[in-house]
Amino acid sequence: MKSGSMTNVWTLISIGSCSNLVSPGPLGLSETLANPIPYEEGEKRHPVRSPSLDPAMDFDQQLKNAIARGSRSRDAKSQAAQSAAMSAEESKNRHASMRLHLSEEIEDRLRKLADHFPGFEFSTLIGEDGWGARITRDDLRLSRGKSSEAHYSRLEMLIVPKGTTPIIELIAKGTIRNREIFSYRHYQYLDDADLSGFTSMISLWSVEYAEQFAAQRG
């Protein structure tokens, strides 16, 4: 039989005690046709991927190229980790800067609100719950033939400490005469946070509280 006259050449190979019949596939790659290597039940099958090698290249050069690829991969991972660390630090600094600005805005609005209603006590808030301010008052209501009744009012606004999620968050709670009238929360992602939006919320909630307090004064 002449060389090249066969369209398919069958080769019998032996692996241990198991014989596999393989045939040339596309591009000369072998494909198992019989007696596949057994898998345990439930075992996941993963294709084995080998790096492509240039047959014209000697082994020393192949080793050098492989080492160079590994080094580039290592450097890329190191650079990515550095970038992530820098991003975390930038996020922390941005939150601190915005927190400082907004806490000053909160103090300014609540001081001015308290000036319009003598009797409110102002206090700055700095702690685990956040940064901001609070105004409070206790009013004693006297009714003929009845015991006196204490009425507690409060407005509090805070910038919440930064957590794992990269946001800046403002919360506000308002109470008038022992009854909570609102509990608000406003946040934005640090990457595109807008200070003017937070400042508007601080002003809006302060004005809302002032209006409702004035309407309920005895």
N, C-alpha and C. Protein backbone atom coordinates (compact mmCIF):
# COMPACT_ATOMS: atom_id res chain seq x y z
N MET A 1 0.87 -1.20 0.00
CA MET A 1 0.00 0.00 0.00
C MET A 1 0.89 1.23 0.00
N LYS A 2 0.55 2.16 -0.85
CA LYS A 2 1.37 3.35 -0.99
C LYS A 2 1.11 4.31 0.17
N SER A 3 2.19 5.03 0.53
CA SER A 3 2.06 6.04 1.59
C SER A 3 1.14 7.14 1.11
N GLY A 4 0.22 7.54 1.98
CA GLY A 4 -0.68 8.65 1.63
C GLY A 4 -1.94 8.20 0.99
N SER A 5 -2.05 6.87 0.64
CA SER A 5 -3.27 6.40 -0.01
C SER A 5 -4.37 6.11 0.97
N MET A 6 -4.04 6.03 2.24
CA MET A 6 -5.06 5.77 3.26
C MET A 6 -5.61 7.09 3.77
N THR A 7 -6.93 7.16 3.79
CA THR A 7 -7.57 8.39 4.29
C THR A 7 -7.63 8.41 5.81
N ASN A 8 -7.66 7.25 6.45
CA ASN A 8 -7.71 7.16 7.91
C ASN A 8 -6.71 6.10 8.37
N VAL A 9 -5.89 6.45 9.30
CA VAL A 9 -4.91 5.51 9.83
C VAL A 9 -5.30 5.23 11.26
N TRP A 10 -5.51 3.94 11.57
CA TRP A 10 -5.93 3.58 12.93
C TRP A 10 -4.70 3.08 13.71
N THR A 11 -4.57 3.58 14.86
CA THR A 11 -3.41 3.24 15.68
C THR A 11 -3.89 2.67 16.99
N LEU A 12 -3.35 1.58 17.41
CA LEU A 12 -3.69 0.97 18.69
C LEU A 12 -2.63 1.34 19.69
N ILE A 13 -3.07 2.02 20.78
CA ILE A 13 -2.11 2.40 21.81
C ILE A 13 -2.52 1.75 23.11
N SER A 14 -1.59 1.59 23.98
CA SER A 14 -1.86 0.94 25.27
C SER A 14 -1.49 1.86 26.40
N ILE A 15 -2.44 2.07 27.34
CA ILE A 15 -2.18 2.86 28.54
C ILE A 15 -2.39 1.92 29.71
N GLY A 16 -1.34 1.48 30.39
CA GLY A 16 -1.45 0.50 31.46
C GLY A 16 -2.01 -0.77 30.88
N SER A 17 -3.12 -1.23 31.49
CA SER A 17 -3.76 -2.46 31.04
C SER A 17 -4.94 -2.17 30.14
N CYS A 18 -5.16 -0.86 29.81
CA CYS A 18 -6.34 -0.46 29.03
C CYS A 18 -5.91 -0.05 27.64
N SER A 19 -6.53 -0.64 26.62
CA SER A 19 -6.20 -0.29 25.24
C SER A 19 -7.19 0.71 24.72
N ASN A 20 -6.72 1.77 24.13
CA ASN A 20 -7.56 2.80 23.55
C ASN A 20 -7.32 2.85 22.05
N LEU A 21 -8.39 2.93 21.31
CA LEU A 21 -8.29 3.03 19.87
C LEU A 21 -8.47 4.48 19.49
N VAL A 22 -7.49 5.08 18.87
CA VAL A 22 -7.55 6.49 18.55
C VAL A 22 -7.36 6.67 17.05
N SER A 23 -7.88 7.79 16.56
CA SER A 23 -7.72 8.09 15.14
C SER A 23 -7.28 9.52 14.99
N PRO A 24 -6.61 9.82 13.93
CA PRO A 24 -6.22 11.21 13.71
C PRO A 24 -7.46 12.07 13.54
N GLY A 25 -7.52 13.19 14.26
CA GLY A 25 -8.62 14.13 14.12
C GLY A 25 -8.18 15.30 13.30
N PRO A 26 -8.90 16.41 13.38
CA PRO A 26 -8.51 17.60 12.63
C PRO A 26 -7.12 18.05 13.04
N LEU A 27 -6.36 18.51 12.12
CA LEU A 27 -5.02 19.03 12.33
C LEU A 27 -4.10 17.99 12.93
N GLY A 28 -4.45 16.69 12.77
CA GLY A 28 -3.57 15.65 13.25
C GLY A 28 -3.70 15.33 14.71
N LEU A 29 -4.68 15.91 15.44
CA LEU A 29 -4.86 15.64 16.85
C LEU A 29 -5.58 14.32 17.02
N SER A 30 -5.23 13.57 18.05
CA SER A 30 -5.84 12.26 18.28
C SER A 30 -7.13 12.39 19.04
N GLU A 31 -8.10 11.54 18.68
CA GLU A 31 -9.39 11.52 19.36
C GLU A 31 -9.65 10.11 19.85
N THR A 32 -10.00 9.94 21.13
CA THR A 32 -10.27 8.63 21.68
C THR A 32 -11.59 8.12 21.14
N LEU A 33 -11.58 6.87 20.62
CA LEU A 33 -12.79 6.30 20.05
C LEU A 33 -13.37 5.19 20.90
N ALA A 34 -12.53 4.53 21.70
CA ALA A 34 -13.04 3.40 22.48
C ALA A 34 -12.32 3.33 23.81
N ASN A 35 -12.95 2.62 24.76
CA ASN A 35 -12.37 2.41 26.08
C ASN A 35 -11.86 3.71 26.72
N PRO A 36 -12.74 4.68 26.91
CA PRO A 36 -12.28 5.94 27.53
C PRO A 36 -11.83 5.69 28.96
N ILE A 37 -10.97 6.58 29.48
CA ILE A 37 -10.51 6.48 30.86
C ILE A 37 -11.71 6.67 31.78
N PRO A 38 -11.97 5.74 32.71
CA PRO A 38 -13.19 5.83 33.52
C PRO A 38 -13.14 6.99 34.51
N TYR A 39 -14.31 7.57 34.83
CA TYR A 39 -14.46 8.61 35.84
C TYR A 39 -15.29 8.04 36.96
N GLU A 40 -14.99 8.48 38.18
CA GLU A 40 -15.84 8.10 39.31
C GLU A 40 -17.19 8.79 39.18
N GLU A 41 -18.20 8.17 39.74
CA GLU A 41 -19.56 8.75 39.68
C GLU A 41 -19.57 10.09 40.39
N GLY A 42 -20.13 11.08 39.73
CA GLY A 42 -20.21 12.41 40.31
C GLY A 42 -18.96 13.24 40.11
N GLU A 43 -17.91 12.65 39.54
CA GLU A 43 -16.66 13.38 39.33
C GLU A 43 -16.82 14.37 38.19
N LYS A 44 -16.34 15.61 38.41
CA LYS A 44 -16.43 16.62 37.37
C LYS A 44 -15.32 16.44 36.36
N ARG A 45 -15.65 16.62 35.08
CA ARG A 45 -14.67 16.47 34.02
C ARG A 45 -14.20 17.85 33.56
N HIS A 46 -12.90 18.03 33.56
CA HIS A 46 -12.33 19.31 33.15
C HIS A 46 -11.39 19.05 31.98
N PRO A 47 -11.56 19.80 30.90
CA PRO A 47 -10.64 19.63 29.78
C PRO A 47 -9.24 20.05 30.16
N VAL A 48 -8.27 19.28 29.72
CA VAL A 48 -6.88 19.62 30.00
C VAL A 48 -6.38 20.55 28.91
N ARG A 49 -5.93 21.72 29.32
CA ARG A 49 -5.44 22.69 28.34
C ARG A 49 -3.93 22.85 28.53
N SER A 50 -3.19 22.59 27.50
CA SER A 50 -1.75 22.73 27.55
C SER A 50 -1.35 23.98 26.79
N PRO A 51 -0.29 24.65 27.23
CA PRO A 51 0.17 25.83 26.49
C PRO A 51 0.65 25.43 25.12
N SER A 52 0.36 26.25 24.14
CA SER A 52 0.80 25.94 22.78
C SER A 52 2.30 26.17 22.68
N LEU A 53 2.98 25.27 22.07
CA LEU A 53 4.42 25.35 21.92
C LEU A 53 4.79 25.39 20.45
N ASP A 54 5.76 26.21 20.16
CA ASP A 54 6.24 26.32 18.78
C ASP A 54 7.25 25.19 18.55
N PRO A 55 6.92 24.25 17.68
CA PRO A 55 7.83 23.11 17.46
C PRO A 55 9.17 23.54 16.90
N ALA A 56 9.22 24.70 16.29
CA ALA A 56 10.48 25.16 15.72
C ALA A 56 11.40 25.77 16.77
N MET A 57 10.90 25.97 17.99
CA MET A 57 11.66 26.63 19.05
C MET A 57 12.31 25.57 19.94
N ASP A 58 13.55 25.76 20.32
CA ASP A 58 14.21 24.77 21.17
C ASP A 58 13.67 24.88 22.60
N PHE A 59 13.94 23.84 23.40
CA PHE A 59 13.33 23.73 24.74
C PHE A 59 13.75 24.87 25.66
N ASP A 60 15.01 25.27 25.61
CA ASP A 60 15.49 26.36 26.47
C ASP A 60 14.71 27.64 26.22
N GLN A 61 14.46 27.92 24.94
CA GLN A 61 13.71 29.14 24.60
C GLN A 61 12.26 29.02 25.05
N GLN A 62 11.69 27.82 24.94
CA GLN A 62 10.32 27.61 25.42
C GLN A 62 10.23 27.87 26.93
N LEU A 63 11.23 27.38 27.67
CA LEU A 63 11.26 27.63 29.12
C LEU A 63 11.35 29.12 29.43
N LYS A 64 12.23 29.81 28.72
CA LYS A 64 12.39 31.25 28.95
C LYS A 64 11.09 32.01 28.68
N ASN A 65 10.42 31.64 27.59
CA ASN A 65 9.15 32.30 27.26
C ASN A 65 8.10 32.03 28.32
N ALA A 66 8.04 30.78 28.83
CA ALA A 66 7.06 30.44 29.86
C ALA A 66 7.33 31.22 31.14
N ILE A 67 8.60 31.33 31.53
CA ILE A 67 8.96 32.08 32.74
C ILE A 67 8.61 33.56 32.57
N ALA A 68 8.85 34.09 31.39
CA ALA A 68 8.52 35.49 31.14
C ALA A 68 7.02 35.73 31.23
N ARG A 69 6.23 34.78 30.67
CA ARG A 69 4.76 34.92 30.78
C ARG A 69 4.31 34.88 32.23
N GLY A 70 4.89 33.98 33.02
CA GLY A 70 4.54 33.90 34.44
C GLY A 70 4.88 35.17 35.19
N SER A 71 6.04 35.75 34.87
CA SER A 71 6.45 37.00 35.52
C SER A 71 5.51 38.14 35.18
N ARG A 72 5.10 38.21 33.91
CA ARG A 72 4.17 39.27 33.51
C ARG A 72 2.83 39.10 34.23
N SER A 73 2.38 37.86 34.38
CA SER A 73 1.12 37.59 35.08
C SER A 73 1.22 38.02 36.54
N ARG A 74 2.37 37.71 37.17
CA ARG A 74 2.58 38.11 38.56
C ARG A 74 2.58 39.63 38.70
N ASP A 75 3.28 40.31 37.81
CA ASP A 75 3.35 41.77 37.87
C ASP A 75 1.97 42.40 37.66
N ALA A 76 1.18 41.81 36.76
CA ALA A 76 -0.16 42.35 36.51
C ALA A 76 -1.04 42.22 37.75
N LYS A 77 -0.94 41.08 38.44
CA LYS A 77 -1.73 40.88 39.66
C LYS A 77 -1.30 41.85 40.75
N SER A 78 0.01 42.06 40.87
CA SER A 78 0.53 42.98 41.88
C SER A 78 0.06 44.41 41.61
N GLN A 79 0.08 44.79 40.34
CA GLN A 79 -0.36 46.14 39.97
C GLN A 79 -1.85 46.31 40.23
N ALA A 80 -2.64 45.28 39.95
CA ALA A 80 -4.08 45.34 40.21
C ALA A 80 -4.36 45.48 41.70
N ALA A 81 -3.59 44.76 42.53
CA ALA A 81 -3.77 44.86 43.98
C ALA A 81 -3.39 46.25 44.47
N GLN A 82 -2.33 46.82 43.90
CA GLN A 82 -1.92 48.17 44.27
C GLN A 82 -2.99 49.20 43.90
N SER A 83 -3.56 49.04 42.72
CA SER A 83 -4.60 49.96 42.26
C SER A 83 -5.82 49.88 43.16
N ALA A 84 -6.18 48.66 43.58
CA ALA A 84 -7.34 48.48 44.46
C ALA A 84 -7.08 49.14 45.81
N ALA A 85 -5.84 49.02 46.31
CA ALA A 85 -5.51 49.64 47.59
C ALA A 85 -5.57 51.16 47.49
N MET A 86 -5.08 51.70 46.37
CA MET A 86 -5.13 53.14 46.17
C MET A 86 -6.57 53.62 46.05
N SER A 87 -7.40 52.86 45.37
CA SER A 87 -8.80 53.24 45.23
C SER A 87 -9.50 53.25 46.58
N ALA A 88 -9.17 52.29 47.44
CA ALA A 88 -9.77 52.23 48.77
C ALA A 88 -9.35 53.45 49.59
N GLU A 89 -8.09 53.85 49.48
CA GLU A 89 -7.60 55.01 50.22
C GLU A 89 -8.25 56.30 49.69
N GLU A 90 -8.36 56.39 48.37
CA GLU A 90 -9.01 57.57 47.78
C GLU A 90 -10.47 57.65 48.21
N SER A 91 -11.13 56.51 48.26
CA SER A 91 -12.53 56.47 48.69
C SER A 91 -12.67 56.93 50.14
N LYS A 92 -11.75 56.47 50.97
CA LYS A 92 -11.76 56.87 52.39
C LYS A 92 -11.56 58.38 52.54
N ASN A 93 -10.61 58.92 51.79
CA ASN A 93 -10.32 60.35 51.87
C ASN A 93 -11.49 61.19 51.35
N ARG A 94 -12.12 60.72 50.30
CA ARG A 94 -13.26 61.46 49.74
C ARG A 94 -14.42 61.48 50.73
N HIS A 95 -14.65 60.35 51.36
CA HIS A 95 -15.73 60.29 52.36
C HIS A 95 -15.45 61.23 53.52
N ALA A 96 -14.20 61.26 53.98
CA ALA A 96 -13.82 62.13 55.10
C ALA A 96 -14.01 63.61 54.74
N SER A 97 -13.62 63.96 53.51
CA SER A 97 -13.75 65.35 53.07
C SER A 97 -15.22 65.77 52.98
N MET A 98 -16.05 64.93 52.39
CA MET A 98 -17.47 65.23 52.25
C MET A 98 -18.17 65.25 53.61
N ARG A 99 -17.78 64.31 54.46
CA ARG A 99 -18.37 64.24 55.80
C ARG A 99 -18.11 65.54 56.57
N LEU A 100 -16.88 66.05 56.48
CA LEU A 100 -16.53 67.29 57.18
C LEU A 100 -17.38 68.45 56.68
N HIS A 101 -17.48 68.56 55.37
CA HIS A 101 -18.26 69.67 54.78
C HIS A 101 -19.74 69.58 55.17
N LEU A 102 -20.31 68.40 55.07
CA LEU A 102 -21.74 68.24 55.33
C LEU A 102 -22.08 68.35 56.81
N SER A 103 -21.20 67.90 57.67
CA SER A 103 -21.46 68.05 59.11
C SER A 103 -21.48 69.53 59.50
N GLU A 104 -20.66 70.34 58.84
CA GLU A 104 -20.70 71.79 59.08
C GLU A 104 -22.00 72.39 58.57
N GLU A 105 -22.50 71.89 57.44
CA GLU A 105 -23.78 72.36 56.92
C GLU A 105 -24.92 72.02 57.89
N ILE A 106 -24.87 70.81 58.44
CA ILE A 106 -25.89 70.39 59.40
C ILE A 106 -25.88 71.30 60.63
N GLU A 107 -24.70 71.57 61.17
CA GLU A 107 -24.59 72.43 62.34
C GLU A 107 -25.15 73.82 62.06
N ASP A 108 -24.82 74.35 60.89
CA ASP A 108 -25.30 75.69 60.53
C ASP A 108 -26.83 75.73 60.46
N ARG A 109 -27.46 74.76 59.79
CA ARG A 109 -28.92 74.77 59.65
C ARG A 109 -29.63 74.58 60.99
N LEU A 110 -29.13 73.66 61.80
CA LEU A 110 -29.80 73.40 63.07
C LEU A 110 -29.62 74.54 64.07
N ARG A 111 -28.48 75.21 64.03
CA ARG A 111 -28.30 76.39 64.90
C ARG A 111 -29.30 77.48 64.53
N LYS A 112 -29.44 77.72 63.24
CA LYS A 112 -30.35 78.77 62.79
C LYS A 112 -31.80 78.41 63.12
N LEU A 113 -32.15 77.14 62.96
CA LEU A 113 -33.50 76.71 63.29
C LEU A 113 -33.79 76.92 64.78
N ALA A 114 -32.83 76.55 65.62
CA ALA A 114 -33.00 76.70 67.08
C ALA A 114 -33.15 78.17 67.47
N ASP A 115 -32.48 79.06 66.75
CA ASP A 115 -32.58 80.50 67.06
C ASP A 115 -34.00 81.02 66.88
N HIS A 116 -34.77 80.39 65.99
CA HIS A 116 -36.14 80.84 65.74
C HIS A 116 -37.13 80.31 66.77
N PHE A 117 -36.72 79.33 67.53
CA PHE A 117 -37.59 78.74 68.55
C PHE A 117 -36.82 78.66 69.88
N PRO A 118 -36.80 79.73 70.65
CA PRO A 118 -36.09 79.72 71.94
C PRO A 118 -36.56 78.54 72.79
N GLY A 119 -35.60 77.88 73.41
CA GLY A 119 -35.92 76.71 74.23
C GLY A 119 -35.23 75.46 73.72
N PHE A 120 -34.83 75.48 72.46
CA PHE A 120 -34.09 74.34 71.92
C PHE A 120 -32.63 74.40 72.39
N GLU A 121 -32.09 73.26 72.71
CA GLU A 121 -30.68 73.15 73.06
C GLU A 121 -29.93 72.49 71.90
N PHE A 122 -28.83 73.10 71.50
CA PHE A 122 -28.04 72.60 70.38
C PHE A 122 -26.85 71.79 70.89
N SER A 123 -26.53 70.69 70.20
CA SER A 123 -25.33 69.91 70.55
C SER A 123 -24.73 69.30 69.28
N THR A 124 -23.41 69.29 69.23
CA THR A 124 -22.70 68.66 68.12
C THR A 124 -22.55 67.17 68.41
N LEU A 125 -22.68 66.37 67.38
CA LEU A 125 -22.59 64.92 67.53
C LEU A 125 -21.36 64.37 66.82
N ILE A 126 -20.52 63.67 67.57
CA ILE A 126 -19.34 63.00 67.02
C ILE A 126 -19.21 61.68 67.76
N GLY A 127 -19.34 60.58 67.05
CA GLY A 127 -19.24 59.29 67.72
C GLY A 127 -19.41 58.13 66.77
N GLU A 128 -19.69 56.95 67.31
CA GLU A 128 -19.82 55.74 66.50
C GLU A 128 -21.00 55.83 65.53
N ASP A 129 -22.02 56.60 65.91
CA ASP A 129 -23.21 56.69 65.06
C ASP A 129 -23.01 57.62 63.88
N GLY A 130 -22.03 58.53 63.99
CA GLY A 130 -21.79 59.44 62.89
C GLY A 130 -21.41 60.84 63.36
N TRP A 131 -21.47 61.79 62.41
CA TRP A 131 -21.09 63.18 62.66
C TRP A 131 -22.23 64.09 62.23
N GLY A 132 -22.57 65.04 63.08
CA GLY A 132 -23.66 65.95 62.74
C GLY A 132 -24.04 66.80 63.93
N ALA A 133 -25.36 66.97 64.12
CA ALA A 133 -25.83 67.83 65.21
C ALA A 133 -27.25 67.43 65.60
N ARG A 134 -27.66 67.95 66.77
CA ARG A 134 -29.00 67.66 67.28
C ARG A 134 -29.50 68.87 68.04
N ILE A 135 -30.80 69.13 67.92
CA ILE A 135 -31.45 70.13 68.77
C ILE A 135 -32.59 69.43 69.52
N THR A 136 -32.72 69.73 70.80
CA THR A 136 -33.75 69.09 71.63
C THR A 136 -34.39 70.12 72.57
N ARG A 137 -35.58 69.78 73.01
CA ARG A 137 -36.25 70.61 74.01
C ARG A 137 -37.29 69.78 74.75
N ASP A 138 -37.58 70.18 75.98
CA ASP A 138 -38.64 69.58 76.79
C ASP A 138 -39.62 70.67 77.16
N ASP A 139 -40.86 70.48 76.82
CA ASP A 139 -41.92 71.43 77.17
C ASP A 139 -42.87 70.77 78.17
N LEU A 140 -43.22 71.51 79.19
CA LEU A 140 -44.14 71.02 80.21
C LEU A 140 -45.51 71.63 79.97
N ARG A 141 -46.47 70.80 79.73
CA ARG A 141 -47.83 71.27 79.46
C ARG A 141 -48.68 71.13 80.72
N LEU A 142 -49.29 72.25 81.12
CA LEU A 142 -50.13 72.27 82.33
C LEU A 142 -51.59 72.41 81.94
N SER A 143 -52.41 71.53 82.47
CA SER A 143 -53.85 71.58 82.20
C SER A 143 -54.58 71.63 83.54
N ARG A 144 -55.63 72.48 83.64
CA ARG A 144 -56.38 72.62 84.89
C ARG A 144 -57.05 71.28 85.24
N GLY A 145 -56.84 70.87 86.46
CA GLY A 145 -57.44 69.64 86.95
C GLY A 145 -56.72 68.38 86.50
N LYS A 146 -55.60 68.52 85.78
CA LYS A 146 -54.83 67.35 85.32
C LYS A 146 -53.37 67.51 85.71
N SER A 147 -52.69 66.38 85.76
CA SER A 147 -51.26 66.42 86.07
C SER A 147 -50.50 66.98 84.86
N SER A 148 -49.35 67.54 85.13
CA SER A 148 -48.55 68.11 84.05
C SER A 148 -48.06 67.01 83.10
N GLU A 149 -47.83 67.38 81.85
CA GLU A 149 -47.40 66.43 80.83
C GLU A 149 -46.16 66.97 80.12
N ALA A 150 -45.11 66.14 80.07
CA ALA A 150 -43.86 66.55 79.43
C ALA A 150 -43.90 66.21 77.95
N HIS A 151 -43.52 67.18 77.12
CA HIS A 151 -43.46 66.98 75.68
C HIS A 151 -42.01 67.12 75.21
N TYR A 152 -41.55 66.09 74.55
CA TYR A 152 -40.15 66.06 74.09
C TYR A 152 -40.11 66.27 72.58
N SER A 153 -39.21 67.17 72.13
CA SER A 153 -39.02 67.43 70.69
C SER A 153 -37.54 67.35 70.35
N ARG A 154 -37.28 66.86 69.15
CA ARG A 154 -35.88 66.68 68.74
C ARG A 154 -35.77 66.66 67.22
N LEU A 155 -34.66 67.23 66.71
CA LEU A 155 -34.27 67.07 65.31
C LEU A 155 -32.80 66.71 65.30
N GLU A 156 -32.49 65.62 64.62
CA GLU A 156 -31.11 65.12 64.58
C GLU A 156 -30.74 64.76 63.15
N MET A 157 -29.55 65.18 62.73
CA MET A 157 -29.03 64.81 61.41
C MET A 157 -27.59 64.34 61.56
N LEU A 158 -27.28 63.26 60.83
CA LEU A 158 -25.95 62.66 60.93
C LEU A 158 -25.43 62.19 59.57
N ILE A 159 -24.12 62.29 59.41
CA ILE A 159 -23.44 61.62 58.31
C ILE A 159 -22.93 60.30 58.88
N VAL A 160 -23.39 59.20 58.31
CA VAL A 160 -23.08 57.87 58.83
C VAL A 160 -21.63 57.50 58.51
N PRO A 161 -20.93 56.81 59.43
CA PRO A 161 -19.55 56.36 59.14
C PRO A 161 -19.50 55.50 57.89
N LYS A 162 -18.37 55.56 57.20
CA LYS A 162 -18.20 54.79 55.97
C LYS A 162 -18.12 53.30 56.29
N GLY A 163 -18.88 52.50 55.54
CA GLY A 163 -18.84 51.05 55.69
C GLY A 163 -18.11 50.41 54.53
N THR A 164 -18.43 49.16 54.26
CA THR A 164 -17.78 48.45 53.15
C THR A 164 -18.29 48.92 51.79
N THR A 165 -19.53 49.40 51.75
CA THR A 165 -20.09 49.92 50.50
C THR A 165 -19.61 51.36 50.31
N PRO A 166 -19.07 51.70 49.13
CA PRO A 166 -18.51 53.04 48.90
C PRO A 166 -19.59 54.10 48.69
N ILE A 167 -20.30 54.45 49.76
CA ILE A 167 -21.34 55.47 49.69
C ILE A 167 -21.13 56.49 50.80
N ILE A 168 -21.77 57.64 50.64
CA ILE A 168 -21.88 58.60 51.74
C ILE A 168 -23.37 58.74 52.03
N GLU A 169 -23.71 58.69 53.31
CA GLU A 169 -25.11 58.58 53.70
C GLU A 169 -25.47 59.61 54.77
N LEU A 170 -26.62 60.24 54.57
CA LEU A 170 -27.17 61.23 55.50
C LEU A 170 -28.48 60.70 56.05
N ILE A 171 -28.65 60.76 57.39
CA ILE A 171 -29.91 60.35 57.99
C ILE A 171 -30.45 61.50 58.84
N ALA A 172 -31.76 61.55 58.98
CA ALA A 172 -32.40 62.60 59.78
C ALA A 172 -33.61 62.01 60.49
N LYS A 173 -33.81 62.40 61.75
CA LYS A 173 -34.96 61.97 62.52
C LYS A 173 -35.56 63.18 63.23
N GLY A 174 -36.86 63.31 63.09
CA GLY A 174 -37.54 64.45 63.71
C GLY A 174 -38.67 64.00 64.62
N THR A 175 -38.74 64.56 65.81
CA THR A 175 -39.79 64.26 66.78
C THR A 175 -40.36 65.57 67.30
N ILE A 176 -41.67 65.65 67.38
CA ILE A 176 -42.35 66.84 67.92
C ILE A 176 -43.38 66.37 68.94
N ARG A 177 -43.24 66.87 70.14
CA ARG A 177 -44.18 66.55 71.22
C ARG A 177 -44.40 65.04 71.36
N ASN A 178 -43.30 64.33 71.51
CA ASN A 178 -43.29 62.88 71.77
C ASN A 178 -43.71 62.03 70.56
N ARG A 179 -43.88 62.63 69.42
CA ARG A 179 -44.30 61.87 68.25
C ARG A 179 -43.29 62.06 67.12
N GLU A 180 -42.81 60.92 66.61
CA GLU A 180 -41.87 60.99 65.49
C GLU A 180 -42.62 61.42 64.23
N ILE A 181 -42.14 62.48 63.59
CA ILE A 181 -42.82 62.99 62.40
C ILE A 181 -42.14 62.56 61.11
N PHE A 182 -40.84 62.25 61.17
CA PHE A 182 -40.18 61.71 59.99
C PHE A 182 -38.87 61.02 60.36
N SER A 183 -38.46 60.13 59.47
CA SER A 183 -37.17 59.45 59.55
C SER A 183 -36.68 59.28 58.12
N TYR A 184 -35.68 60.07 57.74
CA TYR A 184 -35.25 60.11 56.35
C TYR A 184 -33.82 59.56 56.20
N ARG A 185 -33.55 59.12 54.99
CA ARG A 185 -32.22 58.60 54.64
C ARG A 185 -31.93 58.97 53.19
N HIS A 186 -30.74 59.52 52.97
CA HIS A 186 -30.34 59.91 51.62
C HIS A 186 -28.87 59.51 51.44
N TYR A 187 -28.56 58.80 50.34
CA TYR A 187 -27.17 58.40 50.10
C TYR A 187 -26.86 58.45 48.61
N GLN A 188 -25.56 58.55 48.34
CA GLN A 188 -25.05 58.50 46.97
C GLN A 188 -23.72 57.76 46.97
N TYR A 189 -23.38 57.15 45.82
CA TYR A 189 -22.08 56.51 45.69
C TYR A 189 -20.99 57.57 45.63
N LEU A 190 -19.88 57.28 46.28
CA LEU A 190 -18.81 58.28 46.41
C LEU A 190 -18.25 58.71 45.07
N ASP A 191 -18.22 57.80 44.10
CA ASP A 191 -17.63 58.13 42.80
C ASP A 191 -18.29 59.32 42.13
N ASP A 192 -19.62 59.44 42.29
CA ASP A 192 -20.33 60.55 41.64
C ASP A 192 -21.24 61.30 42.62
N ALA A 193 -20.84 61.31 43.90
CA ALA A 193 -21.64 62.01 44.91
C ALA A 193 -21.62 63.52 44.66
N ASP A 194 -22.79 64.14 44.86
CA ASP A 194 -22.95 65.58 44.62
C ASP A 194 -23.25 66.27 45.95
N LEU A 195 -22.33 67.11 46.41
CA LEU A 195 -22.51 67.79 47.69
C LEU A 195 -23.74 68.68 47.70
N SER A 196 -24.03 69.30 46.58
CA SER A 196 -25.17 70.21 46.54
C SER A 196 -26.48 69.47 46.80
N GLY A 197 -26.56 68.22 46.36
CA GLY A 197 -27.76 67.42 46.60
C GLY A 197 -27.96 67.16 48.08
N PHE A 198 -26.88 66.87 48.80
CA PHE A 198 -26.97 66.65 50.25
C PHE A 198 -27.31 67.95 50.98
N THR A 199 -26.70 69.04 50.55
CA THR A 199 -26.98 70.33 51.18
C THR A 199 -28.45 70.70 51.02
N SER A 200 -29.00 70.40 49.86
CA SER A 200 -30.43 70.68 49.62
C SER A 200 -31.31 69.85 50.55
N MET A 201 -30.94 68.58 50.78
CA MET A 201 -31.70 67.71 51.68
C MET A 201 -31.66 68.24 53.11
N ILE A 202 -30.48 68.69 53.54
CA ILE A 202 -30.33 69.23 54.90
C ILE A 202 -31.23 70.44 55.09
N SER A 203 -31.24 71.32 54.10
CA SER A 203 -32.09 72.52 54.19
C SER A 203 -33.57 72.15 54.14
N LEU A 204 -33.92 71.25 53.23
CA LEU A 204 -35.32 70.85 53.06
C LEU A 204 -35.88 70.23 54.33
N TRP A 205 -35.14 69.31 54.94
CA TRP A 205 -35.63 68.65 56.15
C TRP A 205 -35.69 69.60 57.34
N SER A 206 -34.77 70.55 57.39
CA SER A 206 -34.79 71.55 58.47
C SER A 206 -36.03 72.44 58.35
N VAL A 207 -36.33 72.88 57.13
CA VAL A 207 -37.50 73.72 56.89
C VAL A 207 -38.79 72.95 57.19
N GLU A 208 -38.83 71.69 56.78
CA GLU A 208 -40.02 70.87 57.05
C GLU A 208 -40.26 70.73 58.55
N TYR A 209 -39.19 70.51 59.29
CA TYR A 209 -39.33 70.38 60.74
C TYR A 209 -39.82 71.69 61.36
N ALA A 210 -39.24 72.80 60.92
CA ALA A 210 -39.63 74.11 61.46
C ALA A 210 -41.12 74.38 61.22
N GLU A 211 -41.59 74.06 60.03
CA GLU A 211 -43.01 74.29 59.71
C GLU A 211 -43.93 73.45 60.60
N GLN A 212 -43.58 72.19 60.74
CA GLN A 212 -44.44 71.32 61.55
C GLN A 212 -44.37 71.67 63.03
N PHE A 213 -43.21 72.08 63.50
CA PHE A 213 -43.12 72.46 64.90
C PHE A 213 -43.93 73.72 65.18
N ALA A 214 -43.85 74.68 64.26
CA ALA A 214 -44.62 75.92 64.43
C ALA A 214 -46.11 75.62 64.44
N ALA A 215 -46.55 74.67 63.62
CA ALA A 215 -47.97 74.35 63.53
C ALA A 215 -48.48 73.64 64.78
N GLN A 216 -47.60 73.03 65.55
CA GLN A 216 -48.04 72.24 66.69
C GLN A 216 -47.71 72.89 68.03
N ARG A 217 -47.18 74.08 68.01
CA ARG A 217 -46.86 74.76 69.28
C ARG A 217 -48.13 75.06 70.07
N GLY A 218 -48.05 74.80 71.37
CA GLY A 218 -49.23 75.05 72.22
C GLY A 218 -49.23 76.45 72.81
